PDB file of all heavy atoms in Angstrom:
ATOM      1  N   ILE A   1      46.184 -24.688 -22.465  1.00  0.00           N
ATOM      2  CA  ILE A   1      46.893 -25.542 -21.533  1.00  0.00           C
ATOM      3  C   ILE A   1      47.117 -24.846 -20.210  1.00  0.00           C
ATOM      4  O   ILE A   1      46.958 -25.437 -19.135  1.00  0.00           O
ATOM      5  CB  ILE A   1      48.247 -25.984 -22.142  1.00  0.00           C
ATOM      6  CG1 ILE A   1      48.034 -26.820 -23.399  1.00  0.00           C
ATOM      7  CG2 ILE A   1      49.091 -26.787 -21.108  1.00  0.00           C
ATOM      8  CD1 ILE A   1      49.308 -27.124 -24.167  1.00  0.00           C
ATOM      9  N   GLU A   2      47.496 -23.547 -20.275  1.00  0.00           N
ATOM     10  CA  GLU A   2      47.996 -22.868 -19.099  1.00  0.00           C
ATOM     11  C   GLU A   2      46.958 -21.992 -18.356  1.00  0.00           C
ATOM     12  O   GLU A   2      47.083 -21.799 -17.134  1.00  0.00           O
ATOM     13  CB  GLU A   2      49.191 -21.963 -19.480  1.00  0.00           C
ATOM     14  CG  GLU A   2      50.370 -22.732 -20.051  1.00  0.00           C
ATOM     15  CD  GLU A   2      51.000 -23.664 -19.046  1.00  0.00           C
ATOM     16  OE1 GLU A   2      50.802 -23.508 -17.818  1.00  0.00           O
ATOM     17  OE2 GLU A   2      51.705 -24.605 -19.466  1.00  0.00           O
ATOM     18  N   GLU A   3      45.962 -21.487 -19.037  1.00  0.00           N
ATOM     19  CA  GLU A   3      44.995 -20.573 -18.401  1.00  0.00           C
ATOM     20  C   GLU A   3      43.749 -21.331 -17.976  1.00  0.00           C
ATOM     21  O   GLU A   3      43.225 -22.152 -18.742  1.00  0.00           O
ATOM     22  CB  GLU A   3      44.619 -19.435 -19.369  1.00  0.00           C
ATOM     23  CG  GLU A   3      45.786 -18.662 -19.939  1.00  0.00           C
ATOM     24  CD  GLU A   3      46.441 -17.737 -18.914  1.00  0.00           C
ATOM     25  OE1 GLU A   3      45.952 -17.611 -17.788  1.00  0.00           O
ATOM     26  OE2 GLU A   3      47.467 -17.101 -19.287  1.00  0.00           O
ATOM     27  N   ASP A   4      43.215 -21.021 -16.795  1.00  0.00           N
ATOM     28  CA  ASP A   4      41.968 -21.660 -16.337  1.00  0.00           C
ATOM     29  C   ASP A   4      40.778 -21.197 -17.180  1.00  0.00           C
ATOM     30  O   ASP A   4      39.866 -21.955 -17.433  1.00  0.00           O
ATOM     31  CB  ASP A   4      41.710 -21.324 -14.886  1.00  0.00           C
ATOM     32  CG  ASP A   4      42.741 -21.925 -13.956  1.00  0.00           C
ATOM     33  OD1 ASP A   4      43.277 -23.008 -14.309  1.00  0.00           O
ATOM     34  OD2 ASP A   4      43.016 -21.350 -12.903  1.00  0.00           O
ATOM     35  N   ASP A   5      40.790 -19.953 -17.641  1.00  0.00           N
ATOM     36  CA  ASP A   5      39.700 -19.370 -18.400  1.00  0.00           C
ATOM     37  C   ASP A   5      40.298 -18.367 -19.397  1.00  0.00           C
ATOM     38  O   ASP A   5      40.825 -17.355 -18.984  1.00  0.00           O
ATOM     39  CB  ASP A   5      38.732 -18.661 -17.466  1.00  0.00           C
ATOM     40  CG  ASP A   5      37.467 -18.158 -18.171  1.00  0.00           C
ATOM     41  OD1 ASP A   5      37.599 -17.631 -19.263  1.00  0.00           O
ATOM     42  OD2 ASP A   5      36.371 -18.273 -17.568  1.00  0.00           O
ATOM     43  N   ILE A   6      40.251 -18.683 -20.663  1.00  0.00           N
ATOM     44  CA  ILE A   6      40.888 -17.834 -21.684  1.00  0.00           C
ATOM     45  C   ILE A   6      40.269 -16.452 -21.709  1.00  0.00           C
ATOM     46  O   ILE A   6      40.987 -15.433 -21.743  1.00  0.00           O
ATOM     47  CB  ILE A   6      40.812 -18.510 -23.094  1.00  0.00           C
ATOM     48  CG1 ILE A   6      41.650 -19.786 -23.087  1.00  0.00           C
ATOM     49  CG2 ILE A   6      41.308 -17.538 -24.170  1.00  0.00           C
ATOM     50  CD1 ILE A   6      41.604 -20.556 -24.387  1.00  0.00           C
ATOM     51  N   SER A   7      38.933 -16.360 -21.725  1.00  0.00           N
ATOM     52  CA  SER A   7      38.269 -15.063 -21.769  1.00  0.00           C
ATOM     53  C   SER A   7      38.595 -14.225 -20.524  1.00  0.00           C
ATOM     54  O   SER A   7      38.837 -13.032 -20.629  1.00  0.00           O
ATOM     55  CB  SER A   7      36.742 -15.249 -21.868  1.00  0.00           C
ATOM     56  OG  SER A   7      36.409 -15.774 -23.129  1.00  0.00           O
ATOM     57  N   ALA A   8      38.647 -14.881 -19.370  1.00  0.00           N
ATOM     58  CA  ALA A   8      38.981 -14.156 -18.142  1.00  0.00           C
ATOM     59  C   ALA A   8      40.432 -13.636 -18.213  1.00  0.00           C
ATOM     60  O   ALA A   8      40.736 -12.534 -17.736  1.00  0.00           O
ATOM     61  CB  ALA A   8      38.797 -15.068 -16.921  1.00  0.00           C
ATOM     62  N   ALA A   9      41.331 -14.453 -18.760  1.00  0.00           N
ATOM     63  CA  ALA A   9      42.719 -14.009 -18.868  1.00  0.00           C
ATOM     64  C   ALA A   9      42.838 -12.805 -19.803  1.00  0.00           C
ATOM     65  O   ALA A   9      43.558 -11.849 -19.520  1.00  0.00           O
ATOM     66  CB  ALA A   9      43.580 -15.155 -19.400  1.00  0.00           C
ATOM     67  N   PHE A  10      42.092 -12.824 -20.910  1.00  0.00           N
ATOM     68  CA  PHE A  10      42.060 -11.675 -21.796  1.00  0.00           C
ATOM     69  C   PHE A  10      41.557 -10.434 -21.051  1.00  0.00           C
ATOM     70  O   PHE A  10      42.131  -9.341 -21.183  1.00  0.00           O
ATOM     71  CB  PHE A  10      41.147 -11.942 -23.001  1.00  0.00           C
ATOM     72  CG  PHE A  10      41.802 -12.748 -24.090  1.00  0.00           C
ATOM     73  CD1 PHE A  10      40.997 -13.348 -25.063  1.00  0.00           C
ATOM     74  CD2 PHE A  10      43.168 -12.920 -24.163  1.00  0.00           C
ATOM     75  CE1 PHE A  10      41.578 -14.090 -26.095  1.00  0.00           C
ATOM     76  CE2 PHE A  10      43.752 -13.671 -25.171  1.00  0.00           C
ATOM     77  CZ  PHE A  10      42.948 -14.255 -26.126  1.00  0.00           C
ATOM     78  N   HIS A  11      40.505 -10.610 -20.302  1.00  0.00           N
ATOM     79  CA  HIS A  11      39.910  -9.475 -19.585  1.00  0.00           C
ATOM     80  C   HIS A  11      40.868  -8.924 -18.527  1.00  0.00           C
ATOM     81  O   HIS A  11      41.023  -7.720 -18.399  1.00  0.00           O
ATOM     82  CB  HIS A  11      38.590  -9.897 -18.930  1.00  0.00           C
ATOM     83  CG  HIS A  11      37.860  -8.765 -18.240  1.00  0.00           C
ATOM     84  ND1 HIS A  11      38.061  -8.429 -16.947  1.00  0.00           N
ATOM     85  CD2 HIS A  11      36.953  -7.892 -18.746  1.00  0.00           C
ATOM     86  CE1 HIS A  11      37.315  -7.396 -16.636  1.00  0.00           C
ATOM     87  NE2 HIS A  11      36.604  -7.038 -17.697  1.00  0.00           N
ATOM     88  N   ASP A  12      41.509  -9.831 -17.794  1.00  0.00           N
ATOM     89  CA  ASP A  12      42.409  -9.415 -16.694  1.00  0.00           C
ATOM     90  C   ASP A  12      43.601  -8.614 -17.242  1.00  0.00           C
ATOM     91  O   ASP A  12      44.168  -7.777 -16.531  1.00  0.00           O
ATOM     92  CB  ASP A  12      42.892 -10.609 -15.918  1.00  0.00           C
ATOM     93  CG  ASP A  12      41.792 -11.253 -15.109  1.00  0.00           C
ATOM     94  OD1 ASP A  12      40.726 -10.625 -14.923  1.00  0.00           O
ATOM     95  OD2 ASP A  12      41.973 -12.425 -14.660  1.00  0.00           O
ATOM     96  N   HIS A  13      44.011  -8.914 -18.468  1.00  0.00           N
ATOM     97  CA  HIS A  13      45.227  -8.273 -19.023  1.00  0.00           C
ATOM     98  C   HIS A  13      44.909  -7.442 -20.252  1.00  0.00           C
ATOM     99  O   HIS A  13      45.768  -7.228 -21.111  1.00  0.00           O
ATOM    100  CB  HIS A  13      46.265  -9.318 -19.310  1.00  0.00           C
ATOM    101  CG  HIS A  13      46.592 -10.194 -18.124  1.00  0.00           C
ATOM    102  ND1 HIS A  13      47.319  -9.751 -17.050  1.00  0.00           N
ATOM    103  CD2 HIS A  13      46.191 -11.456 -17.798  1.00  0.00           C
ATOM    104  CE1 HIS A  13      47.406 -10.701 -16.139  1.00  0.00           C
ATOM    105  NE2 HIS A  13      46.727 -11.747 -16.585  1.00  0.00           N
ATOM    106  N   ARG A  14      43.675  -6.981 -20.320  1.00  0.00           N
ATOM    107  CA  ARG A  14      43.177  -6.287 -21.513  1.00  0.00           C
ATOM    108  C   ARG A  14      43.976  -5.023 -21.832  1.00  0.00           C
ATOM    109  O   ARG A  14      44.089  -4.630 -23.001  1.00  0.00           O
ATOM    110  CB  ARG A  14      41.700  -5.937 -21.348  1.00  0.00           C
ATOM    111  CG  ARG A  14      41.381  -5.035 -20.148  1.00  0.00           C
ATOM    112  CD  ARG A  14      39.872  -4.982 -19.923  1.00  0.00           C
ATOM    113  NE  ARG A  14      39.513  -4.155 -18.777  1.00  0.00           N
ATOM    114  CZ  ARG A  14      39.570  -4.547 -17.513  1.00  0.00           C
ATOM    115  NH1 ARG A  14      40.013  -5.763 -17.206  1.00  0.00           N
ATOM    116  NH2 ARG A  14      39.187  -3.733 -16.546  1.00  0.00           N
ATOM    117  N   ASP A  15      44.516  -4.372 -20.807  1.00  0.00           N
ATOM    118  CA  ASP A  15      45.263  -3.125 -21.043  1.00  0.00           C
ATOM    119  C   ASP A  15      46.591  -3.385 -21.724  1.00  0.00           C
ATOM    120  O   ASP A  15      47.163  -2.445 -22.318  1.00  0.00           O
ATOM    121  CB  ASP A  15      45.468  -2.380 -19.730  1.00  0.00           C
ATOM    122  CG  ASP A  15      46.196  -3.223 -18.677  1.00  0.00           C
ATOM    123  OD1 ASP A  15      45.949  -4.451 -18.638  1.00  0.00           O
ATOM    124  OD2 ASP A  15      46.985  -2.661 -17.919  1.00  0.00           O
ATOM    125  N   LEU A  16      47.088  -4.588 -21.659  1.00  0.00           N
ATOM    126  CA  LEU A  16      48.413  -4.901 -22.284  1.00  0.00           C
ATOM    127  C   LEU A  16      48.306  -5.891 -23.423  1.00  0.00           C
ATOM    128  O   LEU A  16      49.303  -6.237 -24.053  1.00  0.00           O
ATOM    129  CB  LEU A  16      49.368  -5.449 -21.204  1.00  0.00           C
ATOM    130  CG  LEU A  16      49.819  -4.458 -20.150  1.00  0.00           C
ATOM    131  CD1 LEU A  16      50.731  -5.132 -19.134  1.00  0.00           C
ATOM    132  CD2 LEU A  16      50.547  -3.260 -20.779  1.00  0.00           C
ATOM    133  N   LEU A  17      47.090  -6.374 -23.695  1.00  0.00           N
ATOM    134  CA  LEU A  17      46.925  -7.347 -24.762  1.00  0.00           C
ATOM    135  C   LEU A  17      46.969  -6.638 -26.121  1.00  0.00           C
ATOM    136  O   LEU A  17      46.216  -5.721 -26.369  1.00  0.00           O
ATOM    137  CB  LEU A  17      45.564  -8.061 -24.619  1.00  0.00           C
ATOM    138  CG  LEU A  17      45.308  -9.219 -25.590  1.00  0.00           C
ATOM    139  CD1 LEU A  17      46.255 -10.383 -25.309  1.00  0.00           C
ATOM    140  CD2 LEU A  17      43.835  -9.658 -25.495  1.00  0.00           C
ATOM    141  N   GLY A  18      47.895  -7.090 -26.998  1.00  0.00           N
ATOM    142  CA  GLY A  18      48.064  -6.428 -28.246  1.00  0.00           C
ATOM    143  C   GLY A  18      47.763  -7.263 -29.489  1.00  0.00           C
ATOM    144  O   GLY A  18      47.545  -6.733 -30.578  1.00  0.00           O
ATOM    145  N   HIS A  19      47.770  -8.579 -29.327  1.00  0.00           N
ATOM    146  CA  HIS A  19      47.631  -9.445 -30.502  1.00  0.00           C
ATOM    147  C   HIS A  19      47.164 -10.806 -30.033  1.00  0.00           C
ATOM    148  O   HIS A  19      47.353 -11.171 -28.853  1.00  0.00           O
ATOM    149  CB  HIS A  19      48.985  -9.553 -31.226  1.00  0.00           C
ATOM    150  CG  HIS A  19      48.905 -10.144 -32.599  1.00  0.00           C
ATOM    151  ND1 HIS A  19      48.152  -9.602 -33.609  1.00  0.00           N
ATOM    152  CD2 HIS A  19      49.532 -11.221 -33.137  1.00  0.00           C
ATOM    153  CE1 HIS A  19      48.316 -10.297 -34.712  1.00  0.00           C
ATOM    154  NE2 HIS A  19      49.139 -11.299 -34.436  1.00  0.00           N
ATOM    155  N   VAL A  20      46.555 -11.599 -30.954  1.00  0.00           N
ATOM    156  CA  VAL A  20      46.057 -12.908 -30.602  1.00  0.00           C
ATOM    157  C   VAL A  20      46.361 -13.899 -31.731  1.00  0.00           C
ATOM    158  O   VAL A  20      46.250 -13.560 -32.901  1.00  0.00           O
ATOM    159  CB  VAL A  20      44.505 -12.865 -30.379  1.00  0.00           C
ATOM    160  CG1 VAL A  20      43.964 -14.272 -30.227  1.00  0.00           C
ATOM    161  CG2 VAL A  20      44.151 -12.017 -29.158  1.00  0.00           C
ATOM    162  N   HIS A  21      46.764 -15.097 -31.338  1.00  0.00           N
ATOM    163  CA  HIS A  21      46.916 -16.219 -32.279  1.00  0.00           C
ATOM    164  C   HIS A  21      45.759 -17.188 -32.072  1.00  0.00           C
ATOM    165  O   HIS A  21      45.521 -17.650 -30.934  1.00  0.00           O
ATOM    166  CB  HIS A  21      48.247 -16.969 -32.009  1.00  0.00           C
ATOM    167  CG  HIS A  21      49.412 -16.378 -32.715  1.00  0.00           C
ATOM    168  ND1 HIS A  21      50.715 -16.740 -32.432  1.00  0.00           N
ATOM    169  CD2 HIS A  21      49.505 -15.447 -33.689  1.00  0.00           C
ATOM    170  CE1 HIS A  21      51.531 -16.062 -33.184  1.00  0.00           C
ATOM    171  NE2 HIS A  21      50.840 -15.293 -33.946  1.00  0.00           N
ATOM    172  N   ILE A  22      45.056 -17.491 -33.129  1.00  0.00           N
ATOM    173  CA  ILE A  22      43.997 -18.488 -33.068  1.00  0.00           C
ATOM    174  C   ILE A  22      44.593 -19.846 -33.447  1.00  0.00           C
ATOM    175  O   ILE A  22      45.063 -20.047 -34.547  1.00  0.00           O
ATOM    176  CB  ILE A  22      42.860 -18.141 -34.062  1.00  0.00           C
ATOM    177  CG1 ILE A  22      42.267 -16.782 -33.737  1.00  0.00           C
ATOM    178  CG2 ILE A  22      41.780 -19.220 -34.025  1.00  0.00           C
ATOM    179  CD1 ILE A  22      41.257 -16.305 -34.769  1.00  0.00           C
ATOM    180  N   ALA A  23      44.607 -20.757 -32.505  1.00  0.00           N
ATOM    181  CA  ALA A  23      45.112 -22.099 -32.745  1.00  0.00           C
ATOM    182  C   ALA A  23      44.541 -23.032 -31.703  1.00  0.00           C
ATOM    183  O   ALA A  23      44.192 -22.592 -30.613  1.00  0.00           O
ATOM    184  CB  ALA A  23      46.643 -22.115 -32.661  1.00  0.00           C
ATOM    185  N   GLU A  24      44.423 -24.312 -32.033  1.00  0.00           N
ATOM    186  CA  GLU A  24      43.824 -25.253 -31.102  1.00  0.00           C
ATOM    187  C   GLU A  24      44.384 -26.647 -31.353  1.00  0.00           C
ATOM    188  O   GLU A  24      44.665 -27.008 -32.500  1.00  0.00           O
ATOM    189  CB  GLU A  24      42.310 -25.269 -31.236  1.00  0.00           C
ATOM    190  CG  GLU A  24      41.605 -26.168 -30.230  1.00  0.00           C
ATOM    191  CD  GLU A  24      40.087 -26.035 -30.284  1.00  0.00           C
ATOM    192  OE1 GLU A  24      39.583 -25.338 -31.138  1.00  0.00           O
ATOM    193  OE2 GLU A  24      39.434 -26.612 -29.415  1.00  0.00           O
ATOM    194  N   MET A  25      44.496 -27.425 -30.267  1.00  0.00           N
ATOM    195  CA  MET A  25      44.848 -28.826 -30.392  1.00  0.00           C
ATOM    196  C   MET A  25      43.598 -29.624 -30.707  1.00  0.00           C
ATOM    197  O   MET A  25      42.689 -29.725 -29.852  1.00  0.00           O
ATOM    198  CB  MET A  25      45.486 -29.349 -29.110  1.00  0.00           C
ATOM    199  CG  MET A  25      46.872 -28.815 -28.813  1.00  0.00           C
ATOM    200  SD  MET A  25      47.626 -29.620 -27.399  1.00  0.00           S
ATOM    201  CE  MET A  25      46.568 -29.095 -26.083  1.00  0.00           C
ATOM    202  N   ILE A  26      43.506 -30.135 -31.899  1.00  0.00           N
ATOM    203  CA  ILE A  26      42.295 -30.849 -32.324  1.00  0.00           C
ATOM    204  C   ILE A  26      42.008 -32.052 -31.427  1.00  0.00           C
ATOM    205  O   ILE A  26      40.855 -32.370 -31.128  1.00  0.00           O
ATOM    206  CB  ILE A  26      42.442 -31.307 -33.785  1.00  0.00           C
ATOM    207  CG1 ILE A  26      42.566 -30.083 -34.702  1.00  0.00           C
ATOM    208  CG2 ILE A  26      41.244 -32.143 -34.227  1.00  0.00           C
ATOM    209  CD1 ILE A  26      42.901 -30.396 -36.135  1.00  0.00           C
ATOM    210  N   SER A  27      43.072 -32.711 -30.951  1.00  0.00           N
ATOM    211  CA  SER A  27      42.870 -33.938 -30.172  1.00  0.00           C
ATOM    212  C   SER A  27      42.719 -33.687 -28.677  1.00  0.00           C
ATOM    213  O   SER A  27      42.559 -34.589 -27.899  1.00  0.00           O
ATOM    214  CB  SER A  27      44.085 -34.879 -30.387  1.00  0.00           C
ATOM    215  OG  SER A  27      45.264 -34.252 -29.974  1.00  0.00           O
ATOM    216  N   TYR A  28      42.765 -32.410 -28.291  1.00  0.00           N
ATOM    217  CA  TYR A  28      42.624 -32.080 -26.873  1.00  0.00           C
ATOM    218  C   TYR A  28      41.147 -31.961 -26.536  1.00  0.00           C
ATOM    219  O   TYR A  28      40.527 -30.940 -26.790  1.00  0.00           O
ATOM    220  CB  TYR A  28      43.373 -30.753 -26.573  1.00  0.00           C
ATOM    221  CG  TYR A  28      43.680 -30.519 -25.123  1.00  0.00           C
ATOM    222  CD1 TYR A  28      44.807 -31.119 -24.536  1.00  0.00           C
ATOM    223  CD2 TYR A  28      42.871 -29.748 -24.332  1.00  0.00           C
ATOM    224  CE1 TYR A  28      45.084 -30.892 -23.213  1.00  0.00           C
ATOM    225  CE2 TYR A  28      43.155 -29.516 -22.999  1.00  0.00           C
ATOM    226  CZ  TYR A  28      44.260 -30.118 -22.442  1.00  0.00           C
ATOM    227  OH  TYR A  28      44.542 -29.889 -21.124  1.00  0.00           O
ATOM    228  N   LYS A  29      40.574 -33.006 -25.965  1.00  0.00           N
ATOM    229  CA  LYS A  29      39.117 -33.117 -25.856  1.00  0.00           C
ATOM    230  C   LYS A  29      38.564 -32.548 -24.532  1.00  0.00           C
ATOM    231  O   LYS A  29      37.369 -32.310 -24.414  1.00  0.00           O
ATOM    232  CB  LYS A  29      38.689 -34.578 -25.974  1.00  0.00           C
ATOM    233  CG  LYS A  29      39.101 -35.229 -27.302  1.00  0.00           C
ATOM    234  CD  LYS A  29      38.473 -34.560 -28.488  1.00  0.00           C
ATOM    235  CE  LYS A  29      38.788 -35.293 -29.791  1.00  0.00           C
ATOM    236  NZ  LYS A  29      38.246 -34.623 -30.958  1.00  0.00           N
ATOM    237  N   VAL A  30      39.410 -32.323 -23.550  1.00  0.00           N
ATOM    238  CA  VAL A  30      38.918 -31.943 -22.233  1.00  0.00           C
ATOM    239  C   VAL A  30      38.401 -30.510 -22.250  1.00  0.00           C
ATOM    240  O   VAL A  30      37.328 -30.183 -21.746  1.00  0.00           O
ATOM    241  CB  VAL A  30      40.009 -32.110 -21.172  1.00  0.00           C
ATOM    242  CG1 VAL A  30      39.483 -31.652 -19.807  1.00  0.00           C
ATOM    243  CG2 VAL A  30      40.421 -33.571 -21.101  1.00  0.00           C
ATOM    244  N   LYS A  31      39.173 -29.586 -22.839  1.00  0.00           N
ATOM    245  CA  LYS A  31      38.807 -28.164 -22.889  1.00  0.00           C
ATOM    246  C   LYS A  31      38.569 -27.766 -24.332  1.00  0.00           C
ATOM    247  O   LYS A  31      39.506 -27.734 -25.130  1.00  0.00           O
ATOM    248  CB  LYS A  31      39.923 -27.313 -22.281  1.00  0.00           C
ATOM    249  CG  LYS A  31      40.121 -27.540 -20.785  1.00  0.00           C
ATOM    250  CD  LYS A  31      41.431 -26.894 -20.302  1.00  0.00           C
ATOM    251  CE  LYS A  31      41.397 -25.397 -20.406  1.00  0.00           C
ATOM    252  NZ  LYS A  31      42.639 -24.803 -19.875  1.00  0.00           N
ATOM    253  N   VAL A  32      37.344 -27.462 -24.660  1.00  0.00           N
ATOM    254  CA  VAL A  32      37.005 -27.052 -26.006  1.00  0.00           C
ATOM    255  C   VAL A  32      36.889 -25.534 -25.996  1.00  0.00           C
ATOM    256  O   VAL A  32      36.177 -24.946 -25.186  1.00  0.00           O
ATOM    257  CB  VAL A  32      35.673 -27.671 -26.475  1.00  0.00           C
ATOM    258  CG1 VAL A  32      35.327 -27.151 -27.859  1.00  0.00           C
ATOM    259  CG2 VAL A  32      35.799 -29.203 -26.480  1.00  0.00           C
ATOM    260  N   ILE A  33      37.583 -24.887 -26.919  1.00  0.00           N
ATOM    261  CA  ILE A  33      37.608 -23.428 -26.929  1.00  0.00           C
ATOM    262  C   ILE A  33      36.296 -22.894 -27.486  1.00  0.00           C
ATOM    263  O   ILE A  33      35.796 -23.299 -28.511  1.00  0.00           O
ATOM    264  CB  ILE A  33      38.786 -22.946 -27.836  1.00  0.00           C
ATOM    265  CG1 ILE A  33      40.132 -23.335 -27.185  1.00  0.00           C
ATOM    266  CG2 ILE A  33      38.718 -21.428 -28.024  1.00  0.00           C
ATOM    267  CD1 ILE A  33      41.320 -23.018 -28.037  1.00  0.00           C
ATOM    268  N   ASP A  34      35.716 -21.940 -26.755  1.00  0.00           N
ATOM    269  CA  ASP A  34      34.508 -21.251 -27.172  1.00  0.00           C
ATOM    270  C   ASP A  34      34.897 -20.026 -27.963  1.00  0.00           C
ATOM    271  O   ASP A  34      35.139 -18.940 -27.388  1.00  0.00           O
ATOM    272  CB  ASP A  34      33.659 -20.851 -25.947  1.00  0.00           C
ATOM    273  CG  ASP A  34      32.314 -20.288 -26.307  1.00  0.00           C
ATOM    274  OD1 ASP A  34      32.177 -19.814 -27.458  1.00  0.00           O
ATOM    275  OD2 ASP A  34      31.386 -20.287 -25.473  1.00  0.00           O
ATOM    276  N   TYR A  35      35.044 -20.172 -29.260  1.00  0.00           N
ATOM    277  CA  TYR A  35      35.558 -19.083 -30.074  1.00  0.00           C
ATOM    278  C   TYR A  35      34.608 -17.884 -30.107  1.00  0.00           C
ATOM    279  O   TYR A  35      35.066 -16.754 -30.148  1.00  0.00           O
ATOM    280  CB  TYR A  35      35.821 -19.574 -31.505  1.00  0.00           C
ATOM    281  CG  TYR A  35      37.010 -20.474 -31.643  1.00  0.00           C
ATOM    282  CD1 TYR A  35      36.887 -21.860 -31.681  1.00  0.00           C
ATOM    283  CD2 TYR A  35      38.297 -19.935 -31.690  1.00  0.00           C
ATOM    284  CE1 TYR A  35      38.003 -22.673 -31.801  1.00  0.00           C
ATOM    285  CE2 TYR A  35      39.405 -20.743 -31.778  1.00  0.00           C
ATOM    286  CZ  TYR A  35      39.252 -22.130 -31.837  1.00  0.00           C
ATOM    287  OH  TYR A  35      40.369 -22.921 -31.934  1.00  0.00           O
ATOM    288  N   LYS A  36      33.317 -18.155 -30.058  1.00  0.00           N
ATOM    289  CA  LYS A  36      32.367 -17.024 -30.092  1.00  0.00           C
ATOM    290  C   LYS A  36      32.502 -16.153 -28.848  1.00  0.00           C
ATOM    291  O   LYS A  36      32.528 -14.940 -28.947  1.00  0.00           O
ATOM    292  CB  LYS A  36      30.933 -17.563 -30.194  1.00  0.00           C
ATOM    293  CG  LYS A  36      29.876 -16.474 -30.270  1.00  0.00           C
ATOM    294  CD  LYS A  36      28.470 -17.048 -30.446  1.00  0.00           C
ATOM    295  CE  LYS A  36      27.449 -15.937 -30.537  1.00  0.00           C
ATOM    296  NZ  LYS A  36      26.058 -16.483 -30.719  1.00  0.00           N
TER     297      LYS A  36
END
């Protein structure tokens, strides 16, 4: 919902990223998460 690019956000804050939750809104059709 909040980030323009999830992978880019991870990269930008990689030095402080410590954990990840995998979750998705099934009905949210506009932005499909590229899990790979």
